[in-house]
Amino acid sequence: MTNLQLAIQLFLQLAIILMVCRVVGMIAARFGQPQVVAEMIAGVCMGPSLMGLFLPDVSKALFPPDSMKVLFPLSQLGLALYMFIVGLEFRMDIVKKRFGSSMAVSFAGMAAPFILGAAVGWFFYNHTTLFPEKTSMTNAMIFMGASMCITAFPMLARIIHFKGLAGTTMGTVAIGAGAIDDAAAWGMLALVLASFNGDMSHAVLSIGGGIGYVLVAQLLIRPLLERYAKGIEARGKVSDGEYAFFLSLMCLGAWWTDYIELHAVFGAFIMGSAMPRGIVNRTIIERTQPLAVALILPLFFTYSGLNTRLGLLNTGYLWLLAGAVLVAAIVGKGVACWGAARASGISNREAMGIGILMNARGLMELIIINIGLQKGIISAEIFAMLAIMAVITTLMASPIFERLVGTGTFKAEPEPGTEI
């Protein structure tokens, strides 16, 4: 396709994607599901699992392979912009105040699912032929453990925003623990890829580069921007040039963490958390959020759905194994995070909310297992099991949250300096 044809195709894709996402969103809302879940379902429906199966000609005409070269970078931009906004809303003061709870939930959310996932990987490797021959038992166990640790960071952020939990203890502890868990999971994936390729420098760059980036953003960029923001506060307005400068910092952060293969979401989120509070973060959110959430972010869910196949399990035994994967995921993540939050002094109601939110896997799971499938670490059958687990754990988050935690308003903690 020519560049002009790609541009024409993109406008058609945008129109179809937005309409489908909104229609599915209206249906999902009747079942208590937020728009983010509707967008995930819509993406899967427009992919090979539904449209490609029943309307293959329509699917090929609407999403030809060449168009993915445009859809993919736009989907990543939408995701990065949204996670930048999440970082701008992130309450570091609550994390510091609830540091023990965040670390307890994070550790439980990594250790328990990793152990159960590694056990599932060991069983699959020794008692089935599901793993490819090139995959070692160590790689199989670490990959399955890392897959279980994923928390659907972007979707967790959107669910928290949808339910009005931003700035609350529950929302901030869940976001903080989710960020740490997902970063650790990507670090484990880096170890698997390095071992699989026989090049440990890959893991060193990913893990070391990620830690270094967080330190630079929080210890160097953050204080410099806070000093610069004093002039903006005195003026009472963020100029267009300054707005573009802050967005360029977000892009640099996303570029770096993508370059070291930790994914752009972490770079954008960390840079957002380093932005000055006050006029700066409020202005960036007001200017960026409407377009990013309404127009660009749905492309991420659609692109991921176009690369997801859910119909590969065709025997009772495989479905039994898929059920075991689902149970291990729920016990390892949801129950363990609830127990850790409760043990750290958080009320039972908020602890249950944290466990339920942390249990959602979403499309971050689909991203990591797509990498595993593309690299030949896992088979199509294991991919399908993990994809089904991701969809179910995400779908169950909202209704179970409403049933066990309720819809009552949770009080957001006041910003520093505003306490009465």
Protein backbone atom coordinates (compact mmCIF):
# COMPACT_ATOMS: atom_id res chain seq x y z
CA MET A 1 0.00 0.00 0.00
CA THR A 2 1.17 3.55 -0.74
CA ASN A 3 1.41 6.19 1.97
CA LEU A 4 -1.78 7.82 0.69
CA GLN A 5 -3.62 4.49 0.78
CA LEU A 6 -2.39 3.87 4.33
CA ALA A 7 -3.67 7.29 5.40
CA ILE A 8 -7.08 6.66 3.82
CA GLN A 9 -7.24 3.21 5.45
CA LEU A 10 -6.34 4.69 8.84
CA PHE A 11 -9.30 7.08 8.82
CA LEU A 12 -11.66 4.20 8.04
CA GLN A 13 -10.10 2.06 10.78
CA LEU A 14 -10.41 4.90 13.31
CA ALA A 15 -14.08 5.37 12.51
CA ILE A 16 -14.87 1.64 12.81
CA ILE A 17 -12.77 1.18 15.96
CA LEU A 18 -14.36 4.12 17.79
CA MET A 19 -17.90 3.07 16.85
CA VAL A 20 -17.37 -0.57 17.82
CA CYS A 21 -15.71 0.39 21.12
CA ARG A 22 -18.60 2.68 22.04
CA VAL A 23 -21.29 0.16 21.09
CA VAL A 24 -19.57 -2.59 23.07
CA GLY A 25 -19.05 -0.05 25.89
CA MET A 26 -22.79 0.62 26.13
CA ILE A 27 -23.48 -3.11 26.33
CA ALA A 28 -20.66 -3.70 28.84
CA ALA A 29 -21.93 -0.87 31.06
CA ARG A 30 -25.17 -2.77 31.58
CA PHE A 31 -23.09 -5.55 33.18
CA GLY A 32 -21.08 -3.18 35.36
CA GLN A 33 -17.97 -3.27 33.16
CA PRO A 34 -15.92 -0.08 32.61
CA GLN A 35 -15.13 1.23 29.13
CA VAL A 36 -11.58 -0.16 29.33
CA VAL A 37 -12.92 -3.72 29.50
CA ALA A 38 -15.27 -2.98 26.62
CA GLU A 39 -12.33 -1.79 24.53
CA MET A 40 -10.44 -5.00 25.28
CA ILE A 41 -13.44 -7.11 24.25
CA ALA A 42 -13.99 -4.97 21.15
CA GLY A 43 -10.36 -5.46 20.13
CA VAL A 44 -10.63 -9.23 20.45
CA CYS A 45 -13.94 -9.19 18.53
CA MET A 46 -12.38 -7.28 15.64
CA GLY A 47 -9.46 -9.71 15.52
CA PRO A 48 -9.10 -13.28 14.22
CA SER A 49 -11.02 -14.74 17.18
CA LEU A 50 -14.39 -13.44 15.91
CA MET A 51 -14.42 -11.19 12.84
CA GLY A 52 -11.53 -13.07 11.25
CA LEU A 53 -13.35 -16.34 11.87
CA PHE A 54 -16.83 -15.42 10.61
CA LEU A 55 -16.06 -12.54 8.23
CA PRO A 56 -12.52 -13.21 6.99
CA ASP A 57 -12.87 -11.09 3.84
CA VAL A 58 -14.17 -8.10 5.80
CA SER A 59 -11.37 -8.52 8.34
CA LYS A 60 -8.67 -8.59 5.64
CA ALA A 61 -10.17 -5.57 3.88
CA LEU A 62 -10.47 -3.51 7.07
CA PHE A 63 -7.13 -4.49 8.65
CA PRO A 64 -4.70 -5.41 5.84
CA PRO A 65 -1.21 -6.38 7.04
CA ASP A 66 0.43 -3.20 5.71
CA SER A 67 -1.89 -1.02 7.82
CA MET A 68 -0.44 -2.50 11.00
CA LYS A 69 2.71 -0.45 10.35
CA VAL A 70 0.63 2.67 11.06
CA LEU A 71 -1.77 1.28 13.65
CA PHE A 72 0.98 -0.09 15.90
CA PRO A 73 2.94 3.15 16.55
CA LEU A 74 -0.30 5.09 17.05
CA SER A 75 -1.50 2.47 19.55
CA GLN A 76 1.76 2.81 21.46
CA LEU A 77 1.44 6.60 21.47
CA GLY A 78 -2.07 6.36 22.93
CA LEU A 79 -0.91 3.98 25.64
CA ALA A 80 2.11 6.13 26.50
CA LEU A 81 0.02 9.30 26.70
CA TYR A 82 -2.46 7.66 29.01
CA MET A 83 0.22 6.27 31.31
CA PHE A 84 1.82 9.72 31.34
CA ILE A 85 -1.51 11.05 32.65
CA VAL A 86 -1.63 8.28 35.25
CA GLY A 87 1.84 9.33 36.39
CA LEU A 88 0.71 12.96 36.59
CA GLU A 89 -2.13 11.88 38.91
CA PHE A 90 0.06 9.52 40.94
CA ARG A 91 0.27 10.44 44.61
CA MET A 92 3.84 9.89 45.79
CA ASP A 93 2.87 11.27 49.21
CA ILE A 94 0.43 8.39 49.75
CA VAL A 95 3.02 5.87 48.56
CA LYS A 96 5.46 7.23 51.13
CA LYS A 97 2.77 7.19 53.79
CA ARG A 98 1.69 3.67 52.79
CA PHE A 99 5.13 2.42 51.79
CA GLY A 100 4.91 -0.69 53.96
CA SER A 101 1.53 -1.63 52.51
CA SER A 102 2.65 -1.00 48.92
CA MET A 103 5.76 -3.13 49.35
CA ALA A 104 3.86 -5.91 51.14
CA VAL A 105 1.22 -6.07 48.39
CA SER A 106 3.90 -5.84 45.70
CA PHE A 107 5.97 -8.67 47.22
CA ALA A 108 2.94 -10.90 47.68
CA GLY A 109 1.79 -10.03 44.16
CA MET A 110 5.13 -11.22 42.80
CA ALA A 111 6.18 -14.10 45.03
CA ALA A 112 2.95 -16.11 45.24
CA PRO A 113 1.97 -16.00 41.54
CA PHE A 114 5.57 -16.59 40.48
CA ILE A 115 5.85 -19.73 42.61
CA LEU A 116 2.50 -21.09 41.36
CA GLY A 117 3.28 -20.11 37.77
CA ALA A 118 6.70 -21.74 37.94
CA ALA A 119 5.06 -24.90 39.32
CA VAL A 120 2.60 -24.90 36.39
CA GLY A 121 5.54 -24.40 34.00
CA TRP A 122 7.38 -27.33 35.60
CA PHE A 123 4.34 -29.57 35.21
CA PHE A 124 3.75 -28.56 31.60
CA TYR A 125 7.42 -29.11 30.77
CA ASN A 126 7.71 -32.53 32.40
CA HIS A 127 4.26 -34.01 31.79
CA THR A 128 3.11 -32.52 28.48
CA THR A 129 4.59 -31.61 25.10
CA LEU A 130 3.20 -28.08 25.13
CA PHE A 131 6.53 -26.26 25.33
CA PRO A 132 8.67 -26.10 22.16
CA GLU A 133 11.82 -28.25 22.17
CA LYS A 134 14.12 -25.22 22.26
CA THR A 135 12.65 -24.04 25.58
CA SER A 136 14.54 -25.24 28.65
CA MET A 137 12.80 -26.13 31.91
CA THR A 138 14.29 -23.04 33.58
CA ASN A 139 12.99 -20.77 30.80
CA ALA A 140 9.58 -22.46 30.96
CA MET A 141 9.28 -21.97 34.72
CA ILE A 142 10.48 -18.35 34.73
CA PHE A 143 8.27 -17.39 31.78
CA MET A 144 5.15 -18.89 33.34
CA GLY A 145 5.99 -17.27 36.67
CA ALA A 146 6.48 -13.87 35.02
CA SER A 147 3.19 -14.28 33.12
CA MET A 148 1.35 -14.86 36.39
CA CYS A 149 2.93 -11.73 37.95
CA ILE A 150 1.51 -9.34 35.34
CA THR A 151 -1.09 -6.92 36.73
CA ALA A 152 -2.49 -5.19 33.61
CA PHE A 153 -0.99 -1.87 34.71
CA PRO A 154 -2.72 0.35 32.07
CA MET A 155 -6.09 -1.33 32.59
CA LEU A 156 -5.69 -1.17 36.37
CA ALA A 157 -5.14 2.57 36.03
CA ARG A 158 -8.25 3.01 33.88
CA ILE A 159 -10.43 0.92 36.22
CA ILE A 160 -9.22 2.96 39.20
CA HIS A 161 -9.99 6.18 37.30
CA PHE A 162 -13.43 4.84 36.24
CA LYS A 163 -14.34 4.01 39.83
CA GLY A 164 -13.09 7.32 41.22
CA LEU A 165 -10.32 5.69 43.27
CA ALA A 166 -7.46 7.95 42.11
CA GLY A 167 -5.83 9.54 45.16
CA THR A 168 -7.33 7.04 47.62
CA THR A 169 -5.28 4.64 49.69
CA MET A 170 -6.75 1.68 47.80
CA GLY A 171 -6.10 3.15 44.37
CA THR A 172 -2.60 4.37 45.09
CA VAL A 173 -1.42 1.19 46.83
CA ALA A 174 -2.79 -0.87 43.93
CA ILE A 175 -1.16 1.37 41.30
CA GLY A 176 2.17 1.45 43.14
CA ALA A 177 2.26 -2.30 43.70
CA GLY A 178 1.08 -2.94 40.13
CA ALA A 179 3.86 -0.78 38.70
CA ILE A 180 6.52 -2.60 40.73
CA ASP A 181 5.10 -6.03 39.88
CA ASP A 182 4.90 -5.36 36.16
CA ALA A 183 8.41 -3.90 36.09
CA ALA A 184 9.66 -7.03 37.86
CA ALA A 185 7.76 -9.26 35.44
CA TRP A 186 9.33 -7.51 32.46
CA GLY A 187 12.71 -7.88 34.13
CA MET A 188 12.10 -11.64 34.44
CA LEU A 189 11.06 -11.74 30.79
CA ALA A 190 14.36 -10.03 29.95
CA LEU A 191 16.18 -12.82 31.82
CA VAL A 192 14.25 -15.47 29.89
CA LEU A 193 14.98 -13.83 26.54
CA ALA A 194 18.64 -13.40 27.46
CA SER A 195 18.95 -17.05 28.48
CA PHE A 196 16.96 -18.18 25.42
CA ASN A 197 19.25 -16.18 23.11
CA GLY A 198 22.42 -16.94 25.06
CA ASP A 199 23.14 -13.21 25.64
CA MET A 200 22.93 -11.98 29.24
CA SER A 201 23.86 -8.41 28.26
CA HIS A 202 20.22 -8.03 27.19
CA ALA A 203 19.01 -8.60 30.76
CA VAL A 204 21.67 -6.31 32.23
CA LEU A 205 20.61 -3.46 29.91
CA SER A 206 16.91 -3.92 30.65
CA ILE A 207 17.15 -4.16 34.43
CA GLY A 208 20.05 -1.75 34.95
CA GLY A 209 18.67 0.76 32.46
CA GLY A 210 15.26 0.69 34.13
CA ILE A 211 16.64 1.28 37.63
CA GLY A 212 18.92 4.02 36.34
CA TYR A 213 16.04 5.75 34.56
CA VAL A 214 13.89 5.81 37.70
CA LEU A 215 16.76 7.31 39.70
CA VAL A 216 17.50 9.99 37.08
CA ALA A 217 13.81 10.90 36.73
CA GLN A 218 13.14 11.17 40.46
CA LEU A 219 16.47 12.52 41.74
CA LEU A 220 17.54 14.79 38.88
CA ILE A 221 14.69 15.65 36.50
CA ARG A 222 12.01 16.05 39.19
CA PRO A 223 13.84 18.68 41.32
CA LEU A 224 14.97 20.60 38.21
CA LEU A 225 11.40 20.76 36.90
CA GLU A 226 10.08 21.81 40.31
CA ARG A 227 12.48 24.76 40.31
CA TYR A 228 11.46 25.67 36.76
CA ALA A 229 7.75 25.37 37.65
CA LYS A 230 8.03 28.19 40.22
CA GLY A 231 8.08 30.65 37.33
CA ILE A 232 5.03 28.99 35.80
CA GLU A 233 3.18 29.17 39.12
CA ALA A 234 4.01 32.87 39.43
CA ARG A 235 2.81 33.48 35.86
CA GLY A 236 -0.27 31.30 36.36
CA LYS A 237 -0.14 29.70 32.91
CA VAL A 238 1.68 26.96 30.97
CA SER A 239 2.66 28.22 27.51
CA ASP A 240 2.27 26.15 24.36
CA GLY A 241 6.05 25.80 24.13
CA GLU A 242 6.29 24.56 27.71
CA TYR A 243 3.46 22.10 27.10
CA ALA A 244 5.33 20.73 24.08
CA PHE A 245 8.51 20.50 26.16
CA PHE A 246 6.80 18.42 28.84
CA LEU A 247 5.36 16.11 26.17
CA SER A 248 8.82 15.73 24.64
CA LEU A 249 10.15 14.57 28.03
CA MET A 250 7.38 11.97 28.12
CA CYS A 251 8.37 10.78 24.65
CA LEU A 252 12.03 10.52 25.66
CA GLY A 253 11.12 8.46 28.72
CA ALA A 254 8.89 6.16 26.68
CA TRP A 255 11.62 5.83 24.03
CA TRP A 256 14.24 4.83 26.57
CA THR A 257 12.24 2.12 28.33
CA ASP A 258 11.09 0.80 24.94
CA TYR A 259 14.72 0.80 23.77
CA ILE A 260 15.81 -1.29 26.75
CA GLU A 261 12.71 -3.51 26.21
CA LEU A 262 10.88 -2.72 29.45
CA HIS A 263 7.96 -1.23 27.42
CA ALA A 264 7.05 2.41 26.86
CA VAL A 265 4.35 2.43 29.56
CA PHE A 266 6.93 2.52 32.34
CA GLY A 267 8.93 5.36 30.83
CA ALA A 268 5.80 7.46 30.33
CA PHE A 269 4.45 6.69 33.80
CA ILE A 270 7.71 7.48 35.61
CA MET A 271 8.12 10.75 33.68
CA GLY A 272 4.55 11.71 34.57
CA SER A 273 5.25 11.06 38.24
CA ALA A 274 8.31 13.36 38.00
CA MET A 275 6.30 16.32 36.66
CA PRO A 276 5.70 19.29 39.02
CA ARG A 277 2.38 19.33 40.83
CA GLY A 278 0.06 22.31 40.70
CA ILE A 279 -0.62 24.28 37.51
CA VAL A 280 1.75 22.14 35.46
CA ASN A 281 0.22 18.72 36.02
CA ARG A 282 -3.36 20.06 35.99
CA THR A 283 -2.79 21.80 32.64
CA ILE A 284 -1.15 18.79 31.01
CA ILE A 285 -3.99 16.53 32.14
CA GLU A 286 -6.67 18.95 30.93
CA ARG A 287 -5.05 19.32 27.50
CA THR A 288 -4.05 15.70 26.95
CA GLN A 289 -6.62 13.43 28.54
CA PRO A 290 -9.72 13.99 26.36
CA LEU A 291 -8.04 13.26 23.02
CA ALA A 292 -5.75 10.52 24.32
CA VAL A 293 -8.50 8.55 26.05
CA ALA A 294 -11.28 9.05 23.51
CA LEU A 295 -9.34 8.75 20.25
CA ILE A 296 -5.88 7.21 20.50
CA LEU A 297 -5.98 4.78 23.44
CA PRO A 298 -8.66 2.47 21.89
CA LEU A 299 -6.14 1.76 19.11
CA PHE A 300 -3.93 -0.03 21.62
CA PHE A 301 -6.68 -2.45 22.61
CA THR A 302 -7.67 -2.99 18.99
CA TYR A 303 -4.12 -3.67 17.85
CA SER A 304 -3.57 -6.18 20.65
CA GLY A 305 -6.92 -7.85 19.91
CA LEU A 306 -5.94 -8.21 16.25
CA ASN A 307 -2.99 -10.34 17.38
CA THR A 308 -4.95 -12.53 19.82
CA ARG A 309 -6.39 -15.99 19.04
CA LEU A 310 -8.57 -17.65 21.66
CA GLY A 311 -9.88 -20.72 19.83
CA LEU A 312 -6.90 -23.07 19.95
CA LEU A 313 -7.96 -25.34 22.84
CA ASN A 314 -9.78 -28.31 21.29
CA THR A 315 -9.64 -31.13 23.89
CA GLY A 316 -11.02 -31.59 27.39
CA TYR A 317 -7.53 -32.13 28.78
CA LEU A 318 -6.30 -28.81 27.41
CA TRP A 319 -9.32 -27.05 28.88
CA LEU A 320 -8.56 -28.72 32.23
CA LEU A 321 -5.01 -27.38 32.07
CA ALA A 322 -6.39 -23.95 31.16
CA GLY A 323 -8.60 -24.13 34.27
CA ALA A 324 -5.55 -24.95 36.39
CA VAL A 325 -3.76 -21.91 34.98
CA LEU A 326 -6.77 -19.72 35.84
CA VAL A 327 -7.02 -21.01 39.42
CA ALA A 328 -3.28 -20.57 40.00
CA ALA A 329 -3.50 -17.02 38.66
CA ILE A 330 -6.41 -16.02 40.91
CA VAL A 331 -5.01 -17.62 44.07
CA GLY A 332 -1.50 -16.38 43.43
CA LYS A 333 -2.44 -12.79 42.71
CA GLY A 334 -5.85 -11.87 44.10
CA VAL A 335 -5.86 -13.87 47.33
CA ALA A 336 -2.18 -13.21 48.10
CA CYS A 337 -2.49 -9.43 47.58
CA TRP A 338 -5.63 -9.30 49.73
CA GLY A 339 -3.82 -11.16 52.51
CA ALA A 340 -0.75 -8.92 52.29
CA ALA A 341 -2.81 -5.73 52.34
CA ARG A 342 -4.80 -6.99 55.33
CA ALA A 343 -1.66 -7.98 57.21
CA SER A 344 -0.15 -4.52 56.63
CA GLY A 345 -3.00 -2.79 58.47
CA ILE A 346 -5.37 -1.86 55.64
CA SER A 347 -9.07 -2.40 56.36
CA ASN A 348 -10.65 -5.61 55.07
CA ARG A 349 -12.86 -3.75 52.60
CA GLU A 350 -9.95 -1.86 51.05
CA ALA A 351 -7.74 -4.97 51.16
CA MET A 352 -10.33 -6.94 49.19
CA GLY A 353 -10.52 -4.10 46.68
CA ILE A 354 -6.74 -4.13 46.25
CA GLY A 355 -6.69 -7.92 45.76
CA ILE A 356 -9.48 -7.78 43.18
CA LEU A 357 -7.87 -4.93 41.25
CA MET A 358 -4.41 -6.54 41.29
CA ASN A 359 -5.84 -9.80 39.96
CA ALA A 360 -6.82 -8.26 36.60
CA ARG A 361 -4.27 -9.15 33.89
CA GLY A 362 -5.67 -7.53 30.75
CA LEU A 363 -3.69 -6.73 27.66
CA MET A 364 -0.29 -6.38 29.36
CA GLU A 365 -0.57 -10.15 29.75
CA LEU A 366 -1.40 -10.42 26.06
CA ILE A 367 1.66 -8.34 25.22
CA ILE A 368 4.06 -10.48 27.22
CA ILE A 369 2.68 -13.78 25.91
CA ASN A 370 2.72 -12.45 22.35
CA ILE A 371 6.45 -11.87 22.81
CA GLY A 372 6.83 -15.40 24.16
CA LEU A 373 4.95 -16.83 21.18
CA GLN A 374 6.89 -14.77 18.62
CA LYS A 375 10.24 -15.77 20.16
CA GLY A 376 9.24 -19.46 20.22
CA ILE A 377 9.35 -19.78 24.03
CA ILE A 378 5.74 -20.99 24.32
CA SER A 379 3.39 -22.88 22.02
CA ALA A 380 0.10 -21.64 20.56
CA GLU A 381 -1.78 -23.80 23.08
CA ILE A 382 -0.06 -22.23 26.11
CA PHE A 383 -0.61 -18.83 24.54
CA ALA A 384 -4.35 -19.55 24.32
CA MET A 385 -4.50 -20.69 27.96
CA LEU A 386 -2.77 -17.56 29.20
CA ALA A 387 -4.88 -15.33 26.93
CA ILE A 388 -8.10 -16.84 28.27
CA MET A 389 -6.81 -16.35 31.81
CA ALA A 390 -6.08 -12.69 31.01
CA VAL A 391 -9.57 -12.09 29.63
CA ILE A 392 -11.40 -13.84 32.49
CA THR A 393 -9.42 -12.23 35.32
CA THR A 394 -10.07 -8.83 33.77
CA LEU A 395 -13.79 -9.43 33.16
CA MET A 396 -14.31 -10.62 36.73
CA ALA A 397 -12.66 -7.57 38.33
CA SER A 398 -15.53 -5.05 38.15
CA PRO A 399 -18.50 -7.29 39.10
CA ILE A 400 -16.64 -8.91 41.99
CA PHE A 401 -15.44 -5.48 43.13
CA GLU A 402 -19.01 -4.16 43.13
CA ARG A 403 -20.27 -7.25 44.98
CA LEU A 404 -17.61 -7.53 47.68
CA VAL A 405 -16.34 -3.98 48.04
CA GLY A 406 -19.34 -1.93 46.95
CA THR A 407 -19.83 1.36 45.18
CA GLY A 408 -19.56 3.61 48.20
CA THR A 409 -17.33 6.65 47.87
CA PHE A 410 -13.77 6.20 49.09
CA LYS A 411 -12.22 9.31 50.52
CA ALA A 412 -9.20 10.63 48.66
CA GLU A 413 -6.39 11.76 50.87
CA PRO A 414 -5.71 15.53 50.65
CA GLU A 415 -2.81 16.85 48.60
CA PRO A 416 0.22 17.89 50.69
CA GLY A 417 -0.27 21.32 52.12
CA THR A 418 -4.08 21.29 51.80
CA GLU A 419 -4.91 19.54 55.08
CA ILE A 420 -7.37 21.39 57.27
